Amino acid sequence: MSFSLLLSATLKRVRNSVLLFMGIFLALVGLQIAFGLIVKIAPESIPLFLLYVRETLGILLQGLEWVSPLSYVARATIDIRR
């Protein structure tokens, strides 16, 4: 939500802010899909380049999960249940 407000405040036109938001959203979804596809490849048969890409995507997604409001709520509910 705050990210959307930041985009709206920095861009002058609503159309540009919506397009930028959708582009970032689709890029993040693409990262998750790419990571899911690369993880399914057996580690023995994966080229070295894709191994580096897999590890980099894993680190990026961990960082995104750390700042994601939905995963923050999920972590909070897990901690409350303990």
N, C-alpha and C. Protein backbone atom coordinates (compact mmCIF):
# COMPACT_ATOMS: atom_id res chain seq x y z
N MET A 1 0.83 -1.19 0.00
CA MET A 1 0.00 0.00 0.00
C MET A 1 0.87 1.25 0.00
N SER A 2 1.83 1.28 0.89
CA SER A 2 2.69 2.46 0.95
C SER A 2 3.52 2.60 -0.32
N PHE A 3 3.88 1.47 -0.92
CA PHE A 3 4.63 1.52 -2.17
C PHE A 3 3.79 2.16 -3.27
N SER A 4 2.51 1.84 -3.30
CA SER A 4 1.61 2.44 -4.29
C SER A 4 1.48 3.93 -4.08
N LEU A 5 1.39 4.34 -2.83
CA LEU A 5 1.30 5.77 -2.54
C LEU A 5 2.58 6.50 -2.92
N LEU A 6 3.72 5.85 -2.70
CA LEU A 6 4.99 6.45 -3.09
C LEU A 6 5.06 6.62 -4.61
N LEU A 7 4.63 5.62 -5.34
CA LEU A 7 4.61 5.73 -6.80
C LEU A 7 3.68 6.85 -7.26
N SER A 8 2.52 6.93 -6.65
CA SER A 8 1.56 7.96 -7.05
C SER A 8 2.09 9.35 -6.73
N ALA A 9 2.81 9.48 -5.65
CA ALA A 9 3.34 10.79 -5.27
C ALA A 9 4.50 11.21 -6.17
N THR A 10 5.30 10.26 -6.63
CA THR A 10 6.47 10.63 -7.42
C THR A 10 6.15 10.81 -8.90
N LEU A 11 5.15 10.12 -9.40
CA LEU A 11 4.79 10.25 -10.81
C LEU A 11 3.63 11.23 -10.97
N LYS A 12 3.64 11.96 -12.04
CA LYS A 12 2.65 13.02 -12.22
C LYS A 12 1.32 12.49 -12.77
N ARG A 13 1.35 11.41 -13.51
CA ARG A 13 0.12 10.90 -14.13
C ARG A 13 -0.27 9.57 -13.50
N VAL A 14 -1.56 9.38 -13.37
CA VAL A 14 -2.08 8.14 -12.79
C VAL A 14 -1.74 6.96 -13.69
N ARG A 15 -1.86 7.15 -14.99
CA ARG A 15 -1.57 6.07 -15.93
C ARG A 15 -0.14 5.58 -15.78
N ASN A 16 0.82 6.51 -15.64
CA ASN A 16 2.21 6.11 -15.49
C ASN A 16 2.45 5.35 -14.18
N SER A 17 1.81 5.80 -13.11
CA SER A 17 2.00 5.10 -11.83
C SER A 17 1.39 3.70 -11.87
N VAL A 18 0.24 3.56 -12.52
CA VAL A 18 -0.40 2.24 -12.62
C VAL A 18 0.46 1.32 -13.48
N LEU A 19 0.96 1.83 -14.60
CA LEU A 19 1.81 1.01 -15.46
C LEU A 19 3.10 0.60 -14.77
N LEU A 20 3.71 1.51 -14.03
CA LEU A 20 4.93 1.18 -13.30
C LEU A 20 4.66 0.15 -12.22
N PHE A 21 3.55 0.33 -11.48
CA PHE A 21 3.18 -0.62 -10.44
C PHE A 21 2.94 -2.01 -11.02
N MET A 22 2.21 -2.07 -12.13
CA MET A 22 1.95 -3.36 -12.76
C MET A 22 3.23 -3.99 -13.29
N GLY A 23 4.12 -3.17 -13.82
CA GLY A 23 5.40 -3.69 -14.31
C GLY A 23 6.23 -4.29 -13.19
N ILE A 24 6.29 -3.60 -12.06
CA ILE A 24 7.05 -4.12 -10.91
C ILE A 24 6.38 -5.38 -10.38
N PHE A 25 5.06 -5.37 -10.31
CA PHE A 25 4.33 -6.54 -9.83
C PHE A 25 4.59 -7.76 -10.73
N LEU A 26 4.52 -7.55 -12.04
CA LEU A 26 4.76 -8.66 -12.97
C LEU A 26 6.21 -9.14 -12.92
N ALA A 27 7.14 -8.22 -12.69
CA ALA A 27 8.55 -8.61 -12.56
C ALA A 27 8.75 -9.48 -11.32
N LEU A 28 8.10 -9.13 -10.23
CA LEU A 28 8.23 -9.94 -9.01
C LEU A 28 7.59 -11.31 -9.18
N VAL A 29 6.45 -11.35 -9.86
CA VAL A 29 5.81 -12.65 -10.13
C VAL A 29 6.70 -13.48 -11.05
N GLY A 30 7.31 -12.82 -12.04
CA GLY A 30 8.24 -13.52 -12.94
C GLY A 30 9.43 -14.10 -12.20
N LEU A 31 9.95 -13.35 -11.21
CA LEU A 31 11.06 -13.87 -10.40
C LEU A 31 10.65 -15.13 -9.65
N GLN A 32 9.46 -15.11 -9.08
CA GLN A 32 9.00 -16.29 -8.34
C GLN A 32 8.78 -17.48 -9.26
N ILE A 33 8.24 -17.24 -10.44
CA ILE A 33 8.03 -18.33 -11.40
C ILE A 33 9.37 -18.89 -11.87
N ALA A 34 10.31 -18.00 -12.18
CA ALA A 34 11.63 -18.45 -12.63
C ALA A 34 12.32 -19.26 -11.55
N PHE A 35 12.23 -18.82 -10.31
CA PHE A 35 12.85 -19.57 -9.21
C PHE A 35 12.20 -20.93 -9.06
N GLY A 36 10.87 -20.97 -9.18
CA GLY A 36 10.18 -22.25 -9.07
C GLY A 36 10.58 -23.23 -10.17
N LEU A 37 10.81 -22.71 -11.37
CA LEU A 37 11.23 -23.58 -12.47
C LEU A 37 12.67 -24.05 -12.30
N ILE A 38 13.54 -23.17 -11.85
CA ILE A 38 14.95 -23.54 -11.70
C ILE A 38 15.14 -24.50 -10.54
N VAL A 39 14.33 -24.37 -9.49
CA VAL A 39 14.46 -25.27 -8.34
C VAL A 39 14.10 -26.70 -8.72
N LYS A 40 13.19 -26.87 -9.69
CA LYS A 40 12.77 -28.21 -10.09
C LYS A 40 13.86 -28.98 -10.83
N ILE A 41 14.87 -28.28 -11.35
CA ILE A 41 15.96 -28.95 -12.06
C ILE A 41 16.86 -29.63 -11.03
N ALA A 42 17.23 -30.87 -11.31
CA ALA A 42 18.09 -31.62 -10.39
C ALA A 42 19.46 -30.94 -10.28
N PRO A 43 20.00 -30.83 -9.06
CA PRO A 43 21.28 -30.14 -8.88
C PRO A 43 22.44 -30.79 -9.64
N GLU A 44 22.34 -32.08 -9.91
CA GLU A 44 23.43 -32.76 -10.61
C GLU A 44 23.46 -32.38 -12.10
N SER A 45 22.30 -32.08 -12.67
CA SER A 45 22.25 -31.82 -14.10
C SER A 45 22.15 -30.33 -14.44
N ILE A 46 22.21 -29.48 -13.44
CA ILE A 46 22.05 -28.04 -13.69
C ILE A 46 23.40 -27.43 -14.08
N PRO A 47 23.43 -26.58 -15.10
CA PRO A 47 24.68 -25.91 -15.44
C PRO A 47 25.10 -24.94 -14.32
N LEU A 48 26.37 -24.65 -14.27
CA LEU A 48 26.91 -23.81 -13.21
C LEU A 48 26.25 -22.43 -13.21
N PHE A 49 26.03 -21.88 -14.40
CA PHE A 49 25.40 -20.57 -14.50
C PHE A 49 24.02 -20.55 -13.85
N LEU A 50 23.21 -21.58 -14.13
CA LEU A 50 21.88 -21.64 -13.54
C LEU A 50 21.93 -21.89 -12.03
N LEU A 51 22.99 -22.53 -11.57
CA LEU A 51 23.16 -22.70 -10.13
C LEU A 51 23.35 -21.35 -9.46
N TYR A 52 24.17 -20.49 -10.07
CA TYR A 52 24.36 -19.14 -9.54
C TYR A 52 23.07 -18.33 -9.62
N VAL A 53 22.35 -18.47 -10.72
CA VAL A 53 21.07 -17.76 -10.87
C VAL A 53 20.08 -18.23 -9.82
N ARG A 54 20.04 -19.54 -9.57
CA ARG A 54 19.12 -20.08 -8.57
C ARG A 54 19.44 -19.54 -7.18
N GLU A 55 20.70 -19.51 -6.82
CA GLU A 55 21.08 -19.00 -5.51
C GLU A 55 20.79 -17.50 -5.39
N THR A 56 21.04 -16.75 -6.47
CA THR A 56 20.76 -15.32 -6.45
C THR A 56 19.27 -15.05 -6.33
N LEU A 57 18.47 -15.77 -7.09
CA LEU A 57 17.02 -15.61 -7.00
C LEU A 57 16.51 -16.00 -5.61
N GLY A 58 17.09 -17.03 -5.03
CA GLY A 58 16.70 -17.43 -3.68
C GLY A 58 16.97 -16.35 -2.66
N ILE A 59 18.13 -15.70 -2.78
CA ILE A 59 18.47 -14.62 -1.86
C ILE A 59 17.54 -13.42 -2.07
N LEU A 60 17.26 -13.09 -3.34
CA LEU A 60 16.35 -11.98 -3.63
C LEU A 60 14.96 -12.24 -3.08
N LEU A 61 14.47 -13.45 -3.26
CA LEU A 61 13.13 -13.77 -2.79
C LEU A 61 13.06 -13.80 -1.27
N GLN A 62 14.14 -14.21 -0.60
CA GLN A 62 14.16 -14.15 0.86
C GLN A 62 14.08 -12.70 1.33
N GLY A 63 14.80 -11.82 0.65
CA GLY A 63 14.74 -10.41 1.00
C GLY A 63 13.37 -9.82 0.75
N LEU A 64 12.74 -10.21 -0.36
CA LEU A 64 11.40 -9.72 -0.64
C LEU A 64 10.37 -10.25 0.35
N GLU A 65 10.54 -11.49 0.78
CA GLU A 65 9.63 -12.04 1.79
C GLU A 65 9.81 -11.33 3.12
N TRP A 66 11.01 -10.88 3.40
CA TRP A 66 11.27 -10.20 4.66
C TRP A 66 10.56 -8.85 4.72
N VAL A 67 10.47 -8.15 3.59
CA VAL A 67 9.82 -6.83 3.58
C VAL A 67 8.36 -6.89 3.16
N SER A 68 7.88 -8.04 2.75
CA SER A 68 6.50 -8.18 2.30
C SER A 68 5.53 -8.07 3.48
N PRO A 69 4.51 -7.24 3.36
CA PRO A 69 3.55 -7.13 4.46
C PRO A 69 2.78 -8.42 4.71
N LEU A 70 2.50 -9.18 3.66
CA LEU A 70 1.76 -10.43 3.85
C LEU A 70 2.57 -11.46 4.60
N SER A 71 3.84 -11.58 4.29
CA SER A 71 4.65 -12.55 5.02
C SER A 71 4.94 -12.06 6.44
N TYR A 72 4.92 -10.73 6.64
CA TYR A 72 5.07 -10.19 7.99
C TYR A 72 3.89 -10.61 8.85
N VAL A 73 2.69 -10.52 8.29
CA VAL A 73 1.49 -10.95 9.02
C VAL A 73 1.52 -12.45 9.25
N ALA A 74 1.98 -13.21 8.26
CA ALA A 74 2.06 -14.67 8.42
C ALA A 74 3.04 -15.04 9.53
N ARG A 75 4.19 -14.37 9.56
CA ARG A 75 5.16 -14.63 10.63
C ARG A 75 4.60 -14.25 11.99
N ALA A 76 3.85 -13.16 12.04
CA ALA A 76 3.25 -12.73 13.30
C ALA A 76 2.22 -13.74 13.80
N THR A 77 1.40 -14.26 12.90
CA THR A 77 0.40 -15.24 13.33
C THR A 77 1.05 -16.54 13.76
N ILE A 78 2.14 -16.92 13.13
CA ILE A 78 2.87 -18.12 13.56
C ILE A 78 3.45 -17.92 14.95
N ASP A 79 3.99 -16.72 15.20
CA ASP A 79 4.55 -16.43 16.53
C ASP A 79 3.48 -16.35 17.58
N ILE A 80 2.30 -15.87 17.24
CA ILE A 80 1.21 -15.78 18.20
C ILE A 80 0.74 -17.17 18.59
N ARG A 81 0.74 -18.10 17.66
CA ARG A 81 0.28 -19.47 17.94
C ARG A 81 1.23 -20.22 18.87
N ARG A 82 2.46 -19.79 18.94
CA ARG A 82 3.43 -20.49 19.80
C ARG A 82 3.21 -20.24 21.24
